Amino acid sequence: MHVFVKLFAQYREGRFKTEERTYKEGICAQEIIEELELEKVSPLGVLMVNSRHEKPSYTLQEGDIIALFPKVGGG
């Protein structure tokens, strides 16, 4: 199954901006986060699938677009 993965802010450093990736049927968003080791960089801030907020337990479907944003501090 093909899924488009978009990374933002620090998650892009040394990786990619947008990439089409192939995964097994039934994969959840958390498995992709773990595979990419994103939370070693920064905790997950926002997860969106097809421009909608979702939980990491969301089961991805063919053609989904998953956008991953790190938690941002400041102020």
N, C-alpha and C. Protein backbone atom coordinates (compact mmCIF):
# COMPACT_ATOMS: atom_id res chain seq x y z
N MET A 1 0.85 -1.16 0.00
CA MET A 1 0.00 0.00 0.00
C MET A 1 0.90 1.23 0.00
N HIS A 2 0.51 2.24 -0.72
CA HIS A 2 1.30 3.47 -0.84
C HIS A 2 0.71 4.56 0.05
N VAL A 3 1.61 5.20 0.80
CA VAL A 3 1.24 6.28 1.71
C VAL A 3 2.23 7.41 1.48
N PHE A 4 1.74 8.64 1.50
CA PHE A 4 2.61 9.81 1.37
C PHE A 4 2.91 10.32 2.77
N VAL A 5 4.19 10.46 3.09
CA VAL A 5 4.62 10.92 4.41
C VAL A 5 5.24 12.31 4.25
N LYS A 6 4.73 13.27 5.02
CA LYS A 6 5.26 14.64 5.02
C LYS A 6 5.83 14.93 6.40
N LEU A 7 7.05 15.41 6.44
CA LEU A 7 7.69 15.78 7.68
C LEU A 7 7.86 17.29 7.75
N PHE A 8 7.78 17.83 8.96
CA PHE A 8 7.87 19.28 9.15
C PHE A 8 8.90 19.61 10.23
N ALA A 9 9.41 20.84 10.14
CA ALA A 9 10.36 21.42 11.12
C ALA A 9 11.55 20.49 11.35
N GLN A 10 11.88 20.21 12.62
CA GLN A 10 13.08 19.42 12.94
C GLN A 10 13.02 18.01 12.38
N TYR A 11 11.84 17.49 12.15
CA TYR A 11 11.71 16.13 11.62
C TYR A 11 12.34 15.99 10.24
N ARG A 12 12.46 17.10 9.51
CA ARG A 12 13.03 17.07 8.15
C ARG A 12 14.55 16.97 8.14
N GLU A 13 15.18 17.42 9.21
CA GLU A 13 16.64 17.51 9.24
C GLU A 13 17.29 16.15 9.00
N GLY A 14 18.02 16.05 7.89
CA GLY A 14 18.69 14.82 7.52
C GLY A 14 17.76 13.76 6.97
N ARG A 15 16.51 14.13 6.70
CA ARG A 15 15.54 13.18 6.17
C ARG A 15 14.99 13.73 4.85
N PHE A 16 13.70 13.77 4.76
CA PHE A 16 13.01 14.21 3.54
C PHE A 16 11.88 15.15 3.91
N LYS A 17 11.38 15.87 2.92
CA LYS A 17 10.23 16.76 3.12
C LYS A 17 8.94 15.98 2.87
N THR A 18 8.83 15.36 1.71
CA THR A 18 7.69 14.54 1.34
C THR A 18 8.20 13.31 0.60
N GLU A 19 7.62 12.17 0.93
CA GLU A 19 8.07 10.94 0.29
C GLU A 19 6.90 9.97 0.18
N GLU A 20 6.80 9.30 -0.96
CA GLU A 20 5.82 8.23 -1.11
C GLU A 20 6.50 6.96 -0.64
N ARG A 21 5.84 6.26 0.30
CA ARG A 21 6.44 5.06 0.88
C ARG A 21 5.46 3.90 0.77
N THR A 22 6.00 2.70 0.78
CA THR A 22 5.18 1.49 0.69
C THR A 22 5.18 0.79 2.04
N TYR A 23 3.97 0.46 2.52
CA TYR A 23 3.80 -0.22 3.79
C TYR A 23 2.83 -1.38 3.64
N LYS A 24 2.85 -2.25 4.64
CA LYS A 24 1.91 -3.37 4.66
C LYS A 24 0.51 -2.86 5.02
N GLU A 25 -0.50 -3.57 4.59
CA GLU A 25 -1.87 -3.23 4.94
C GLU A 25 -2.01 -3.27 6.46
N GLY A 26 -2.81 -2.37 7.00
CA GLY A 26 -3.10 -2.38 8.42
C GLY A 26 -2.10 -1.65 9.30
N ILE A 27 -1.12 -0.97 8.70
CA ILE A 27 -0.14 -0.24 9.51
C ILE A 27 -0.80 0.99 10.13
N CYS A 28 -0.39 1.30 11.36
CA CYS A 28 -0.94 2.49 12.01
C CYS A 28 0.12 3.60 11.98
N ALA A 29 -0.32 4.81 12.19
CA ALA A 29 0.57 5.97 12.14
C ALA A 29 1.72 5.83 13.13
N GLN A 30 1.46 5.29 14.31
CA GLN A 30 2.51 5.14 15.33
C GLN A 30 3.67 4.29 14.82
N GLU A 31 3.39 3.28 14.03
CA GLU A 31 4.45 2.43 13.49
C GLU A 31 5.37 3.21 12.56
N ILE A 32 4.82 4.15 11.81
CA ILE A 32 5.64 4.99 10.94
C ILE A 32 6.49 5.94 11.78
N ILE A 33 5.90 6.51 12.82
CA ILE A 33 6.64 7.39 13.72
C ILE A 33 7.82 6.65 14.33
N GLU A 34 7.59 5.42 14.76
CA GLU A 34 8.65 4.61 15.36
C GLU A 34 9.71 4.22 14.34
N GLU A 35 9.28 3.84 13.13
CA GLU A 35 10.21 3.46 12.08
C GLU A 35 11.18 4.60 11.75
N LEU A 36 10.65 5.81 11.70
CA LEU A 36 11.46 6.98 11.36
C LEU A 36 12.22 7.54 12.56
N GLU A 37 11.96 6.98 13.74
CA GLU A 37 12.61 7.41 14.98
C GLU A 37 12.46 8.92 15.21
N LEU A 38 11.28 9.43 14.94
CA LEU A 38 11.04 10.87 15.04
C LEU A 38 11.08 11.38 16.46
N GLU A 39 10.59 10.58 17.40
CA GLU A 39 10.51 11.07 18.76
C GLU A 39 11.87 11.10 19.46
N LYS A 40 12.91 10.60 18.79
CA LYS A 40 14.27 10.79 19.29
C LYS A 40 14.70 12.24 19.05
N VAL A 41 14.09 12.86 18.04
CA VAL A 41 14.39 14.26 17.70
C VAL A 41 13.57 15.20 18.58
N SER A 42 12.26 14.95 18.65
CA SER A 42 11.34 15.79 19.39
C SER A 42 10.03 15.03 19.57
N PRO A 43 9.33 15.24 20.68
CA PRO A 43 8.03 14.57 20.83
C PRO A 43 7.06 14.99 19.71
N LEU A 44 6.15 14.10 19.38
CA LEU A 44 5.15 14.40 18.36
C LEU A 44 4.23 15.49 18.87
N GLY A 45 4.02 16.50 18.05
CA GLY A 45 3.11 17.60 18.38
C GLY A 45 1.75 17.41 17.74
N VAL A 46 1.77 17.25 16.42
CA VAL A 46 0.52 17.14 15.66
C VAL A 46 0.67 16.04 14.62
N LEU A 47 -0.38 15.23 14.50
CA LEU A 47 -0.47 14.19 13.48
C LEU A 47 -1.72 14.46 12.67
N MET A 48 -1.54 14.60 11.37
CA MET A 48 -2.70 14.81 10.49
C MET A 48 -2.68 13.75 9.39
N VAL A 49 -3.86 13.25 9.06
CA VAL A 49 -4.01 12.33 7.95
C VAL A 49 -5.06 12.92 7.03
N ASN A 50 -4.66 13.16 5.79
CA ASN A 50 -5.57 13.78 4.81
C ASN A 50 -6.16 15.08 5.35
N SER A 51 -5.29 15.90 5.96
CA SER A 51 -5.64 17.23 6.50
C SER A 51 -6.60 17.20 7.68
N ARG A 52 -6.70 16.05 8.37
CA ARG A 52 -7.55 15.95 9.56
C ARG A 52 -6.70 15.46 10.72
N HIS A 53 -6.93 16.02 11.90
CA HIS A 53 -6.22 15.57 13.09
C HIS A 53 -6.60 14.12 13.39
N GLU A 54 -5.59 13.31 13.69
CA GLU A 54 -5.83 11.91 14.03
C GLU A 54 -4.94 11.51 15.19
N LYS A 55 -5.25 10.38 15.78
CA LYS A 55 -4.44 9.83 16.86
C LYS A 55 -3.40 8.89 16.25
N PRO A 56 -2.29 8.66 16.95
CA PRO A 56 -1.26 7.75 16.43
C PRO A 56 -1.77 6.33 16.16
N SER A 57 -2.86 5.94 16.77
CA SER A 57 -3.42 4.60 16.56
C SER A 57 -4.20 4.49 15.25
N TYR A 58 -4.33 5.58 14.51
CA TYR A 58 -5.08 5.59 13.24
C TYR A 58 -4.49 4.57 12.27
N THR A 59 -5.34 3.72 11.70
CA THR A 59 -4.91 2.74 10.70
C THR A 59 -4.95 3.39 9.32
N LEU A 60 -3.81 3.41 8.67
CA LEU A 60 -3.70 4.08 7.37
C LEU A 60 -4.31 3.26 6.24
N GLN A 61 -4.76 3.98 5.21
CA GLN A 61 -5.38 3.38 4.03
C GLN A 61 -4.56 3.75 2.80
N GLU A 62 -4.73 3.01 1.74
CA GLU A 62 -4.06 3.29 0.47
C GLU A 62 -4.24 4.74 0.07
N GLY A 63 -3.12 5.41 -0.24
CA GLY A 63 -3.16 6.78 -0.73
C GLY A 63 -3.26 7.86 0.32
N ASP A 64 -3.31 7.48 1.61
CA ASP A 64 -3.38 8.49 2.67
C ASP A 64 -2.15 9.38 2.64
N ILE A 65 -2.34 10.61 3.10
CA ILE A 65 -1.24 11.56 3.27
C ILE A 65 -1.12 11.83 4.76
N ILE A 66 0.01 11.43 5.33
CA ILE A 66 0.24 11.61 6.76
C ILE A 66 1.25 12.74 6.94
N ALA A 67 0.89 13.71 7.77
CA ALA A 67 1.75 14.86 8.05
C ALA A 67 2.14 14.82 9.53
N LEU A 68 3.44 14.90 9.80
CA LEU A 68 3.95 14.77 11.16
C LEU A 68 4.68 16.05 11.56
N PHE A 69 4.24 16.66 12.67
CA PHE A 69 4.80 17.90 13.17
C PHE A 69 5.35 17.67 14.57
N PRO A 70 6.57 18.11 14.84
CA PRO A 70 7.10 18.00 16.19
C PRO A 70 6.46 19.02 17.13
N LYS A 71 6.54 18.73 18.41
CA LYS A 71 6.08 19.68 19.41
C LYS A 71 7.00 20.88 19.36
N VAL A 72 6.42 22.07 19.37
CA VAL A 72 7.20 23.29 19.23
C VAL A 72 7.06 24.10 20.53
N GLY A 73 8.19 24.57 21.01
CA GLY A 73 8.17 25.41 22.20
C GLY A 73 8.62 26.81 21.85
N GLY A 74 8.49 27.68 22.76
CA GLY A 74 8.94 29.04 22.53
C GLY A 74 8.03 30.05 23.20
N GLY A 75 8.29 31.27 22.90
CA GLY A 75 7.39 32.27 23.42
C GLY A 75 8.11 33.24 24.24
